[in-house]
């Protein structure tokens, strides 16, 4: 008499677990895709920095608005600031990239 009751409860529990699993899978598939790992600019610097290279260094597009360029510059600079163990050379290149994208370039070339 108890065996059919236990079997019925087991089937009901399996059905509820299956239903929950299907709902969780559908919710998982419906979420928007996100980047797992951000890829940063790899490679050496060109003798004279171009807008393309500047955009790659800051991780933005060449047509990015100035406020977004400043925000990207701040994020990259925090990670590479000389006071926090970063390189002075990299900091100067990051600043140069920001200046190029904001249109504040000097006519003379870089000292490096």
PDB file of N, CA and C in Angstrom:
ATOM      1  N   UNK A   1       0.821  -1.189   0.000  1.00  0.00           N
ATOM      2  CA  UNK A   1       0.000   0.000   0.000  1.00  0.00           C
ATOM      3  C   UNK A   1       0.870   1.260   0.000  1.00  0.00           C
ATOM      4  N   UNK A   2       1.981   1.251   0.696  1.00  0.00           N
ATOM      5  CA  UNK A   2       2.833   2.442   0.716  1.00  0.00           C
ATOM      6  C   UNK A   2       3.710   2.514  -0.533  1.00  0.00           C
ATOM      7  N   UNK A   3       3.961   1.405  -1.177  1.00  0.00           N
ATOM      8  CA  UNK A   3       4.814   1.415  -2.365  1.00  0.00           C
ATOM      9  C   UNK A   3       4.214   2.253  -3.490  1.00  0.00           C
ATOM     10  N   UNK A   4       2.913   2.131  -3.805  1.00  0.00           N
ATOM     11  CA  UNK A   4       2.352   2.993  -4.854  1.00  0.00           C
ATOM     12  C   UNK A   4       2.394   4.475  -4.457  1.00  0.00           C
ATOM     13  N   UNK A   5       2.232   4.767  -3.182  1.00  0.00           N
ATOM     14  CA  UNK A   5       2.281   6.152  -2.715  1.00  0.00           C
ATOM     15  C   UNK A   5       3.687   6.726  -2.894  1.00  0.00           C
ATOM     16  N   UNK A   6       4.703   5.979  -2.528  1.00  0.00           N
ATOM     17  CA  UNK A   6       6.089   6.423  -2.686  1.00  0.00           C
ATOM     18  C   UNK A   6       6.427   6.577  -4.171  1.00  0.00           C
ATOM     19  N   UNK A   7       5.968   5.634  -4.992  1.00  0.00           N
ATOM     20  CA  UNK A   7       6.218   5.719  -6.425  1.00  0.00           C
ATOM     21  C   UNK A   7       5.540   6.956  -7.017  1.00  0.00           C
ATOM     22  N   UNK A   8       4.326   7.250  -6.587  1.00  0.00           N
ATOM     23  CA  UNK A   8       3.599   8.431  -7.078  1.00  0.00           C
ATOM     24  C   UNK A   8       4.295   9.721  -6.685  1.00  0.00           C
ATOM     25  N   UNK A   9       4.770   9.801  -5.441  1.00  0.00           N
ATOM     26  CA  UNK A   9       5.488  10.982  -4.989  1.00  0.00           C
ATOM     27  C   UNK A   9       6.809  11.146  -5.747  1.00  0.00           C
ATOM     28  N   UNK A  10       7.462  10.038  -6.032  1.00  0.00           N
ATOM     29  CA  UNK A  10       8.721  10.099  -6.785  1.00  0.00           C
ATOM     30  C   UNK A  10       8.483  10.613  -8.205  1.00  0.00           C
ATOM     31  N   UNK A  11       7.431  10.159  -8.843  1.00  0.00           N
ATOM     32  CA  UNK A  11       7.108  10.611 -10.198  1.00  0.00           C
ATOM     33  C   UNK A  11       6.755  12.100 -10.181  1.00  0.00           C
ATOM     34  N   UNK A  12       5.983  12.533  -9.179  1.00  0.00           N
ATOM     35  CA  UNK A  12       5.606  13.943  -9.078  1.00  0.00           C
ATOM     36  C   UNK A  12       6.845  14.811  -8.842  1.00  0.00           C
ATOM     37  N   UNK A  13       7.752  14.360  -7.992  1.00  0.00           N
ATOM     38  CA  UNK A  13       8.982  15.120  -7.731  1.00  0.00           C
ATOM     39  C   UNK A  13       9.839  15.206  -8.989  1.00  0.00           C
ATOM     40  N   UNK A  14       9.936  14.115  -9.732  1.00  0.00           N
ATOM     41  CA  UNK A  14      10.710  14.122 -10.968  1.00  0.00           C
ATOM     42  C   UNK A  14      10.081  15.055 -12.000  1.00  0.00           C
ATOM     43  N   UNK A  15       8.765  15.084 -12.074  1.00  0.00           N
ATOM     44  CA  UNK A  15       8.073  15.968 -13.022  1.00  0.00           C
ATOM     45  C   UNK A  15       8.312  17.434 -12.657  1.00  0.00           C
ATOM     46  N   UNK A  16       8.232  17.771 -11.377  1.00  0.00           N
ATOM     47  CA  UNK A  16       8.468  19.148 -10.948  1.00  0.00           C
ATOM     48  C   UNK A  16       9.927  19.559 -11.184  1.00  0.00           C
ATOM     49  N   UNK A  17      10.856  18.660 -10.926  1.00  0.00           N
ATOM     50  CA  UNK A  17      12.266  18.962 -11.163  1.00  0.00           C
ATOM     51  C   UNK A  17      12.532  19.165 -12.650  1.00  0.00           C
ATOM     52  N   UNK A  18      11.901  18.338 -13.483  1.00  0.00           N
ATOM     53  CA  UNK A  18      12.046  18.489 -14.927  1.00  0.00           C
ATOM     54  C   UNK A  18      11.470  19.808 -15.417  1.00  0.00           C
ATOM     55  N   UNK A  19      10.310  20.162 -14.886  1.00  0.00           N
ATOM     56  CA  UNK A  19       9.686  21.433 -15.264  1.00  0.00           C
ATOM     57  C   UNK A  19      10.579  22.608 -14.864  1.00  0.00           C
ATOM     58  N   UNK A  20      11.100  22.580 -13.659  1.00  0.00           N
ATOM     59  CA  UNK A  20      12.000  23.639 -13.197  1.00  0.00           C
ATOM     60  C   UNK A  20      13.262  23.699 -14.061  1.00  0.00           C
ATOM     61  N   UNK A  21      13.800  22.544 -14.406  1.00  0.00           N
ATOM     62  CA  UNK A  21      14.992  22.509 -15.254  1.00  0.00           C
ATOM     63  C   UNK A  21      14.738  23.104 -16.634  1.00  0.00           C
ATOM     64  N   UNK A  22      13.590  22.803 -17.223  1.00  0.00           N
ATOM     65  CA  UNK A  22      13.253  23.356 -18.538  1.00  0.00           C
ATOM     66  C   UNK A  22      13.091  24.868 -18.452  1.00  0.00           C
ATOM     67  N   UNK A  23      12.424  25.368 -17.413  1.00  0.00           N
ATOM     68  CA  UNK A  23      12.253  26.814 -17.254  1.00  0.00           C
ATOM     69  C   UNK A  23      13.600  27.511 -17.046  1.00  0.00           C
ATOM     70  N   UNK A  24      14.471  26.904 -16.272  1.00  0.00           N
ATOM     71  CA  UNK A  24      15.791  27.499 -16.044  1.00  0.00           C
ATOM     72  C   UNK A  24      16.598  27.518 -17.337  1.00  0.00           C
ATOM     73  N   UNK A  25      16.513  26.464 -18.134  1.00  0.00           N
ATOM     74  CA  UNK A  25      17.252  26.415 -19.403  1.00  0.00           C
ATOM     75  C   UNK A  25      16.743  27.483 -20.375  1.00  0.00           C
ATOM     76  N   UNK A  26      15.422  27.656 -20.444  1.00  0.00           N
ATOM     77  CA  UNK A  26      14.858  28.663 -21.330  1.00  0.00           C
ATOM     78  C   UNK A  26      15.266  30.070 -20.881  1.00  0.00           C
ATOM     79  N   UNK A  27      15.291  30.324 -19.583  1.00  0.00           N
ATOM     80  CA  UNK A  27      15.728  31.627 -19.078  1.00  0.00           C
ATOM     81  C   UNK A  27      17.207  31.845 -19.378  1.00  0.00           C
ATOM     82  N   UNK A  28      18.006  30.812 -19.280  1.00  0.00           N
ATOM     83  CA  UNK A  28      19.435  30.906 -19.571  1.00  0.00           C
ATOM     84  C   UNK A  28      19.671  31.228 -21.044  1.00  0.00           C
ATOM     85  N   UNK A  29      18.932  30.577 -21.937  1.00  0.00           N
ATOM     86  CA  UNK A  29      19.095  30.815 -23.371  1.00  0.00           C
ATOM     87  C   UNK A  29      18.551  32.174 -23.793  1.00  0.00           C
ATOM     88  N   UNK A  30      17.601  32.747 -23.059  1.00  0.00           N
ATOM     89  CA  UNK A  30      16.990  34.023 -23.435  1.00  0.00           C
ATOM     90  C   UNK A  30      17.827  35.226 -23.020  1.00  0.00           C
ATOM     91  N   UNK A  31      18.788  35.057 -22.133  1.00  0.00           N
ATOM     92  CA  UNK A  31      19.570  36.212 -21.678  1.00  0.00           C
ATOM     93  C   UNK A  31      20.504  36.686 -22.788  1.00  0.00           C
ATOM     94  N   UNK A  32      20.811  37.977 -22.790  1.00  0.00           N
ATOM     95  CA  UNK A  32      21.673  38.498 -23.863  1.00  0.00           C
ATOM     96  C   UNK A  32      23.103  38.002 -23.722  1.00  0.00           C
ATOM     97  N   UNK A  33      23.785  37.820 -24.845  1.00  0.00           N
ATOM     98  CA  UNK A  33      25.180  37.354 -24.774  1.00  0.00           C
ATOM     99  C   UNK A  33      26.093  38.437 -24.220  1.00  0.00           C
ATOM    100  N   UNK A  34      27.060  38.045 -23.422  1.00  0.00           N
ATOM    101  CA  UNK A  34      28.031  38.980 -22.867  1.00  0.00           C
ATOM    102  C   UNK A  34      29.428  38.479 -23.189  1.00  0.00           C
ATOM    103  N   UNK A  35      30.328  39.421 -23.293  1.00  0.00           N
ATOM    104  CA  UNK A  35      31.719  39.056 -23.562  1.00  0.00           C
ATOM    105  C   UNK A  35      32.325  38.440 -22.312  1.00  0.00           C
ATOM    106  N   UNK A  36      33.014  37.358 -22.484  1.00  0.00           N
ATOM    107  CA  UNK A  36      33.634  36.678 -21.348  1.00  0.00           C
ATOM    108  C   UNK A  36      34.910  37.383 -20.904  1.00  0.00           C
ATOM    109  N   UNK A  37      35.755  37.736 -21.875  1.00  0.00           N
ATOM    110  CA  UNK A  37      37.044  38.328 -21.557  1.00  0.00           C
ATOM    111  C   UNK A  37      37.269  39.480 -22.517  1.00  0.00           C
ATOM    112  N   UNK A  38      37.623  40.617 -21.986  1.00  0.00           N
ATOM    113  CA  UNK A  38      37.881  41.766 -22.848  1.00  0.00           C
ATOM    114  C   UNK A  38      39.283  41.673 -23.412  1.00  0.00           C
ATOM    115  N   UNK A  39      39.392  41.871 -24.711  1.00  0.00           N
ATOM    116  CA  UNK A  39      40.687  41.786 -25.369  1.00  0.00           C
ATOM    117  C   UNK A  39      41.247  43.185 -25.531  1.00  0.00           C
ATOM    118  N   UNK A  40      42.440  43.391 -25.059  1.00  0.00           N
ATOM    119  CA  UNK A  40      43.087  44.683 -25.149  1.00  0.00           C
ATOM    120  C   UNK A  40      44.057  44.696 -26.320  1.00  0.00           C
ATOM    121  N   UNK A  41      44.508  45.880 -26.661  1.00  0.00           N
ATOM    122  CA  UNK A  41      45.416  46.084 -27.781  1.00  0.00           C
ATOM    123  C   UNK A  41      46.741  45.407 -27.492  1.00  0.00           C
ATOM    124  N   UNK A  42      47.155  44.559 -28.418  1.00  0.00           N
ATOM    125  CA  UNK A  42      48.442  43.894 -28.286  1.00  0.00           C
ATOM    126  C   UNK A  42      49.334  44.343 -29.433  1.00  0.00           C
ATOM    127  N   UNK A  43      50.580  44.541 -29.142  1.00  0.00           N
ATOM    128  CA  UNK A  43      51.508  44.885 -30.213  1.00  0.00           C
ATOM    129  C   UNK A  43      52.274  46.154 -29.896  1.00  0.00           C
ATOM    130  N   UNK A  44      53.271  46.413 -30.706  1.00  0.00           N
ATOM    131  CA  UNK A  44      54.085  47.591 -30.518  1.00  0.00           C
ATOM    132  C   UNK A  44      53.393  48.840 -31.028  1.00  0.00           C
ATOM    133  N   UNK A  45      53.996  49.971 -30.719  1.00  0.00           N
ATOM    134  CA  UNK A  45      53.444  51.242 -31.145  1.00  0.00           C
ATOM    135  C   UNK A  45      54.059  51.661 -32.469  1.00  0.00           C
ATOM    136  N   UNK A  46      53.286  52.365 -33.275  1.00  0.00           N
ATOM    137  CA  UNK A  46      53.789  52.905 -34.530  1.00  0.00           C
ATOM    138  C   UNK A  46      54.599  54.163 -34.225  1.00  0.00           C
ATOM    139  N   UNK A  47      55.537  54.548 -35.115  1.00  0.00           N
ATOM    140  CA  UNK A  47      56.353  55.746 -34.855  1.00  0.00           C
ATOM    141  C   UNK A  47      55.503  57.002 -34.655  1.00  0.00           C
ATOM    142  N   UNK A  48      54.487  57.200 -35.474  1.00  0.00           N
ATOM    143  CA  UNK A  48      53.565  58.317 -35.297  1.00  0.00           C
ATOM    144  C   UNK A  48      52.179  57.718 -35.096  1.00  0.00           C
ATOM    145  N   UNK A  49      51.569  58.010 -33.962  1.00  0.00           N
ATOM    146  CA  UNK A  49      50.297  57.391 -33.611  1.00  0.00           C
ATOM    147  C   UNK A  49      49.177  57.887 -34.519  1.00  0.00           C
ATOM    148  N   UNK A  50      48.377  56.959 -35.009  1.00  0.00           N
ATOM    149  CA  UNK A  50      47.220  57.281 -35.847  1.00  0.00           C
ATOM    150  C   UNK A  50      45.956  57.237 -34.994  1.00  0.00           C
ATOM    151  N   UNK A  51      44.861  57.726 -35.558  1.00  0.00           N
ATOM    152  CA  UNK A  51      43.582  57.667 -34.835  1.00  0.00           C
ATOM    153  C   UNK A  51      43.166  56.216 -34.592  1.00  0.00           C
ATOM    154  N   UNK A  52      43.464  55.357 -35.552  1.00  0.00           N
ATOM    155  CA  UNK A  52      43.116  53.940 -35.393  1.00  0.00           C
ATOM    156  C   UNK A  52      43.869  53.330 -34.220  1.00  0.00           C
ATOM    157  N   UNK A  53      45.157  53.586 -34.150  1.00  0.00           N
ATOM    158  CA  UNK A  53      45.953  53.046 -33.056  1.00  0.00           C
ATOM    159  C   UNK A  53      45.503  53.635 -31.720  1.00  0.00           C
ATOM    160  N   UNK A  54      45.193  54.922 -31.715  1.00  0.00           N
ATOM    161  CA  UNK A  54      44.724  55.557 -30.483  1.00  0.00           C
ATOM    162  C   UNK A  54      43.417  54.917 -30.002  1.00  0.00           C
ATOM    163  N   UNK A  55      42.524  54.641 -30.941  1.00  0.00           N
ATOM    164  CA  UNK A  55      41.261  53.998 -30.582  1.00  0.00           C
ATOM    165  C   UNK A  55      41.494  52.580 -30.054  1.00  0.00           C
ATOM    166  N   UNK A  56      42.438  51.857 -30.650  1.00  0.00           N
ATOM    167  CA  UNK A  56      42.750  50.507 -30.171  1.00  0.00           C
ATOM    168  C   UNK A  56      43.340  50.542 -28.762  1.00  0.00           C
ATOM    169  N   UNK A  57      44.177  51.514 -28.490  1.00  0.00           N
ATOM    170  CA  UNK A  57      44.804  51.614 -27.164  1.00  0.00           C
ATOM    171  C   UNK A  57      43.749  51.853 -26.090  1.00  0.00           C
ATOM    172  N   UNK A  58      42.796  52.748 -26.362  1.00  0.00           N
ATOM    173  CA  UNK A  58      41.772  53.068 -25.373  1.00  0.00           C
ATOM    174  C   UNK A  58      40.591  52.104 -25.404  1.00  0.00           C
ATOM    175  N   UNK A  59      40.534  51.245 -26.419  1.00  0.00           N
ATOM    176  CA  UNK A  59      39.441  50.271 -26.489  1.00  0.00           C
ATOM    177  C   UNK A  59      38.121  50.883 -26.911  1.00  0.00           C
ATOM    178  N   UNK A  60      38.160  51.921 -27.739  1.00  0.00           N
ATOM    179  CA  UNK A  60      36.948  52.567 -28.244  1.00  0.00           C
ATOM    180  C   UNK A  60      37.015  52.623 -29.765  1.00  0.00           C
ATOM    181  N   UNK A  61      35.961  53.142 -30.375  1.00  0.00           N
ATOM    182  CA  UNK A  61      35.961  53.346 -31.824  1.00  0.00           C
ATOM    183  C   UNK A  61      36.497  54.734 -32.136  1.00  0.00           C
ATOM    184  N   UNK A  62      36.899  54.924 -33.373  1.00  0.00           N
ATOM    185  CA  UNK A  62      37.441  56.219 -33.766  1.00  0.00           C
ATOM    186  C   UNK A  62      36.394  57.319 -33.694  1.00  0.00           C
ATOM    187  N   UNK A  63      35.130  56.985 -33.845  1.00  0.00           N
ATOM    188  CA  UNK A  63      34.059  57.979 -33.851  1.00  0.00           C
ATOM    189  C   UNK A  63      33.373  58.125 -32.492  1.00  0.00           C
ATOM    190  N   UNK A  64      34.009  57.685 -31.422  1.00  0.00           N
ATOM    191  CA  UNK A  64      33.429  57.746 -30.088  1.00  0.00           C
ATOM    192  C   UNK A  64      33.324  59.191 -29.620  1.00  0.00           C
ATOM    193  N   UNK A  65      32.228  59.568 -28.953  1.00  0.00           N
ATOM    194  CA  UNK A  65      32.090  60.937 -28.444  1.00  0.00           C
ATOM    195  C   UNK A  65      33.161  61.252 -27.387  1.00  0.00           C
ATOM    196  N   UNK A  66      33.493  62.536 -27.222  1.00  0.00           N
ATOM    197  CA  UNK A  66      34.562  62.927 -26.289  1.00  0.00           C
ATOM    198  C   UNK A  66      34.361  62.455 -24.850  1.00  0.00           C
ATOM    199  N   UNK A  67      33.130  62.463 -24.345  1.00  0.00           N
ATOM    200  CA  UNK A  67      32.918  62.032 -22.958  1.00  0.00           C
ATOM    201  C   UNK A  67      33.226  60.553 -22.774  1.00  0.00           C
ATOM    202  N   UNK A  68      32.922  59.733 -23.785  1.00  0.00           N
ATOM    203  CA  UNK A  68      33.247  58.304 -23.710  1.00  0.00           C
ATOM    204  C   UNK A  68      34.752  58.073 -23.844  1.00  0.00           C
ATOM    205  N   UNK A  69      35.427  58.926 -24.635  1.00  0.00           N
ATOM    206  CA  UNK A  69      36.886  58.820 -24.756  1.00  0.00           C
ATOM    207  C   UNK A  69      37.528  59.118 -23.404  1.00  0.00           C
ATOM    208  N   UNK A  70      37.042  60.157 -22.735  1.00  0.00           N
ATOM    209  CA  UNK A  70      37.589  60.509 -21.410  1.00  0.00           C
ATOM    210  C   UNK A  70      37.352  59.388 -20.395  1.00  0.00           C
ATOM    211  N   UNK A  71      36.167  58.783 -20.466  1.00  0.00           N
ATOM    212  CA  UNK A  71      35.844  57.679 -19.555  1.00  0.00           C
ATOM    213  C   UNK A  71      36.753  56.469 -19.811  1.00  0.00           C
ATOM    214  N   UNK A  72      36.957  56.138 -21.082  1.00  0.00           N
ATOM    215  CA  UNK A  72      37.836  55.012 -21.432  1.00  0.00           C
ATOM    216  C   UNK A  72      39.273  55.324 -21.028  1.00  0.00           C
ATOM    217  N   UNK A  73      39.702  56.570 -21.235  1.00  0.00           N
ATOM    218  CA  UNK A  73      41.058  56.987 -20.850  1.00  0.00           C
ATOM    219  C   UNK A  73      41.255  56.802 -19.348  1.00  0.00           C
ATOM    220  N   UNK A  74      40.259  57.199 -18.587  1.00  0.00           N
ATOM    221  CA  UNK A  74      40.370  57.073 -17.130  1.00  0.00           C
ATOM    222  C   UNK A  74      40.500  55.614 -16.713  1.00  0.00           C
ATOM    223  N   UNK A  75      39.709  54.731 -17.300  1.00  0.00           N
ATOM    224  CA  UNK A  75      39.767  53.312 -16.942  1.00  0.00           C
ATOM    225  C   UNK A  75      41.128  52.709 -17.274  1.00  0.00           C
ATOM    226  N   UNK A  76      41.646  53.024 -18.468  1.00  0.00           N
ATOM    227  CA  UNK A  76      42.931  52.461 -18.871  1.00  0.00           C
ATOM    228  C   UNK A  76      44.056  53.074 -18.039  1.00  0.00           C
ATOM    229  N   UNK A  77      43.927  54.358 -17.739  1.00  0.00           N
ATOM    230  CA  UNK A  77      44.985  55.040 -16.986  1.00  0.00           C
ATOM    231  C   UNK A  77      45.044  54.545 -15.539  1.00  0.00           C
ATOM    232  N   UNK A  78      43.901  54.254 -14.953  1.00  0.00           N
ATOM    233  CA  UNK A  78      43.891  53.723 -13.579  1.00  0.00           C
ATOM    234  C   UNK A  78      44.647  52.399 -13.529  1.00  0.00           C
ATOM    235  N   UNK A  79      44.487  51.588 -14.558  1.00  0.00           N
ATOM    236  CA  UNK A  79      45.156  50.284 -14.585  1.00  0.00           C
ATOM    237  C   UNK A  79      46.647  50.396 -14.872  1.00  0.00           C
ATOM    238  N   UNK A  80      47.089  51.487 -15.507  1.00  0.00           N
ATOM    239  CA  UNK A  80      48.488  51.608 -15.930  1.00  0.00           C
ATOM    240  C   UNK A  80      49.196  52.826 -15.367  1.00  0.00           C
ATOM    241  N   UNK A  81      48.673  53.426 -14.325  1.00  0.00           N
ATOM    242  CA  UNK A  81      49.269  54.653 -13.795  1.00  0.00           C
ATOM    243  C   UNK A  81      50.634  54.361 -13.160  1.00  0.00           C
ATOM    244  N   UNK A  82      51.632  55.226 -13.403  1.00  0.00           N
ATOM    245  CA  UNK A  82      52.973  55.003 -12.846  1.00  0.00           C
ATOM    246  C   UNK A  82      53.004  54.953 -11.315  1.00  0.00           C
ATOM    247  N   UNK A  83      52.126  55.696 -10.657  1.00  0.00           N
ATOM    248  CA  UNK A  83      52.090  55.672  -9.192  1.00  0.00           C
ATOM    249  C   UNK A  83      51.581  54.341  -8.645  1.00  0.00           C
ATOM    250  N   UNK A  84      50.903  53.571  -9.485  1.00  0.00           N
ATOM    251  CA  UNK A  84      50.373  52.274  -9.056  1.00  0.00           C
ATOM    252  C   UNK A  84      51.191  51.133  -9.647  1.00  0.00           C
ATOM    253  N   UNK A  85      52.423  51.419 -10.050  1.00  0.00           N
ATOM    254  CA  UNK A  85      53.288  50.371 -10.562  1.00  0.00           C
ATOM    255  C   UNK A  85      53.291  50.248 -12.073  1.00  0.00           C
ATOM    256  N   UNK A  86      52.638  51.169 -12.763  1.00  0.00           N
ATOM    257  CA  UNK A  86      52.607  51.126 -14.218  1.00  0.00           C
ATOM    258  C   UNK A  86      53.836  51.787 -14.819  1.00  0.00           C
ATOM    259  N   UNK A  87      53.906  51.776 -16.112  1.00  0.00           N
ATOM    260  CA  UNK A  87      55.041  52.314 -16.838  1.00  0.00           C
ATOM    261  C   UNK A  87      54.795  53.773 -17.230  1.00  0.00           C
ATOM    262  N   UNK A  88      55.831  54.602 -17.116  1.00  0.00           N
ATOM    263  CA  UNK A  88      55.730  55.999 -17.542  1.00  0.00           C
ATOM    264  C   UNK A  88      55.522  56.064 -19.056  1.00  0.00           C
ATOM    265  N   UNK A  89      56.176  55.175 -19.777  1.00  0.00           N
ATOM    266  CA  UNK A  89      56.051  55.152 -21.225  1.00  0.00           C
ATOM    267  C   UNK A  89      54.620  54.823 -21.647  1.00  0.00           C
ATOM    268  N   UNK A  90      54.038  53.788 -21.028  1.00  0.00           N
ATOM    269  CA  UNK A  90      52.657  53.431 -21.359  1.00  0.00           C
ATOM    270  C   UNK A  90      51.703  54.556 -21.003  1.00  0.00           C
ATOM    271  N   UNK A  91      51.940  55.196 -19.867  1.00  0.00           N
ATOM    272  CA  UNK A  91      51.080  56.313 -19.471  1.00  0.00           C
ATOM    273  C   UNK A  91      51.156  57.442 -20.487  1.00  0.00           C
ATOM    274  N   UNK A  92      52.348  57.713 -21.010  1.00  0.00           N
ATOM    275  CA  UNK A  92      52.470  58.775 -22.004  1.00  0.00           C
ATOM    276  C   UNK A  92      51.759  58.393 -23.299  1.00  0.00           C
ATOM    277  N   UNK A  93      51.817  57.117 -23.689  1.00  0.00           N
ATOM    278  CA  UNK A  93      51.126  56.667 -24.889  1.00  0.00           C
ATOM    279  C   UNK A  93      49.603  56.708 -24.702  1.00  0.00           C
ATOM    280  N   UNK A  94      49.140  56.375 -23.527  1.00  0.00           N
ATOM    281  CA  UNK A  94      47.701  56.436 -23.244  1.00  0.00           C
ATOM    282  C   UNK A  94      47.222  57.886 -23.311  1.00  0.00           C
ATOM    283  N   UNK A  95      48.010  58.801 -22.736  1.00  0.00           N
ATOM    284  CA  UNK A  95      47.658  60.222 -22.798  1.00  0.00           C
ATOM    285  C   UNK A  95      47.703  60.734 -24.234  1.00  0.00           C
ATOM    286  N   UNK A  96      48.680  60.289 -25.000  1.00  0.00           N
ATOM    287  CA  UNK A  96      48.781  60.690 -26.403  1.00  0.00           C
ATOM    288  C   UNK A  96      47.564  60.186 -27.190  1.00  0.00           C
ATOM    289  N   UNK A  97      47.125  58.966 -26.906  1.00  0.00           N
ATOM    290  CA  UNK A  97      45.953  58.413 -27.584  1.00  0.00           C
ATOM    291  C   UNK A  97      44.716  59.247 -27.271  1.00  0.00           C
ATOM    292  N   UNK A  98      44.554  59.641 -26.023  1.00  0.00           N
ATOM    293  CA  UNK A  98      43.417  60.483 -25.647  1.00  0.00           C
ATOM    294  C   UNK A  98      43.482  61.818 -26.378  1.00  0.00           C
ATOM    295  N   UNK A  99      44.663  62.430 -26.416  1.00  0.00           N
ATOM    296  CA  UNK A  99      44.814  63.721 -27.084  1.00  0.00           C
ATOM    297  C   UNK A  99      44.495  63.624 -28.573  1.00  0.00           C
ATOM    298  N   UNK A 100      44.908  62.548 -29.211  1.00  0.00           N
ATOM    299  CA  UNK A 100      44.634  62.383 -30.642  1.00  0.00           C
ATOM    300  C   UNK A 100      43.136  62.238 -30.889  1.00  0.00           C
ATOM    301  N   UNK A 101      42.464  61.430 -30.075  1.00  0.00           N
ATOM    302  CA  UNK A 101      41.028  61.229 -30.282  1.00  0.00           C
ATOM    303  C   UNK A 101      40.209  62.460 -29.935  1.00  0.00           C
ATOM    304  N   UNK A 102      40.719  63.303 -29.030  1.00  0.00           N
ATOM    305  CA  UNK A 102      40.013  64.534 -28.686  1.00  0.00           C
ATOM    306  C   UNK A 102      40.430  65.708 -29.562  1.00  0.00           C
ATOM    307  N   UNK A 103      41.413  65.494 -30.435  1.00  0.00           N
ATOM    308  CA  UNK A 103      41.845  66.548 -31.342  1.00  0.00           C
ATOM    309  C   UNK A 103      42.776  67.558 -30.708  1.00  0.00           C
ATOM    310  N   UNK A 104      43.489  67.174 -29.664  1.00  0.00           N
ATOM    311  CA  UNK A 104      44.398  68.078 -28.969  1.00  0.00           C
ATOM    312  C   UNK A 104      45.854  67.725 -29.255  1.00  0.00           C
ATOM    313  N   UNK A 105      46.147  67.333 -30.478  1.00  0.00           N
ATOM    314  CA  UNK A 105      47.508  66.896 -30.791  1.00  0.00           C
ATOM    315  C   UNK A 105      48.410  68.085 -31.065  1.00  0.00           C
ATOM    316  N   UNK A 106      49.674  67.885 -30.783  1.00  0.00           N
ATOM    317  CA  UNK A 106      50.695  68.881 -31.081  1.00  0.00           C
ATOM    318  C   UNK A 106      51.281  68.551 -32.451  1.00  0.00           C
ATOM    319  N   UNK A 107      51.789  69.536 -33.144  1.00  0.00           N
ATOM    320  CA  UNK A 107      52.356  69.285 -34.472  1.00  0.00           C
ATOM    321  C   UNK A 107      53.683  68.572 -34.391  1.00  0.00           C
ATOM    322  N   UNK A 108      54.409  68.737 -33.292  1.00  0.00           N
ATOM    323  CA  UNK A 108      55.677  68.025 -33.158  1.00  0.00           C
ATOM    324  C   UNK A 108      55.399  66.568 -32.803  1.00  0.00           C
ATOM    325  N   UNK A 109      56.299  65.697 -33.203  1.00  0.00           N
ATOM    326  CA  UNK A 109      56.139  64.268 -32.969  1.00  0.00           C
ATOM    327  C   UNK A 109      56.396  63.907 -31.518  1.00  0.00           C
ATOM    328  N   UNK A 110      56.214  62.658 -31.200  1.00  0.00           N
ATOM    329  CA  UNK A 110      56.454  62.165 -29.852  1.00  0.00           C
ATOM    330  C   UNK A 110      57.938  62.112 -29.565  1.00  0.00           C
ATOM    331  N   UNK A 111      58.313  62.328 -28.305  1.00  0.00           N
ATOM    332  CA  UNK A 111      59.714  62.325 -27.922  1.00  0.00           C
ATOM    333  C   UNK A 111      60.263  60.900 -27.832  1.00  0.00           C
ATOM    334  N   UNK A 112      59.396  59.896 -27.825  1.00  0.00           N
ATOM    335  CA  UNK A 112      59.843  58.511 -27.666  1.00  0.00           C
ATOM    336  C   UNK A 112      59.991  57.837 -28.985  1.00  0.00           C
TER     337      UNK A 112
END
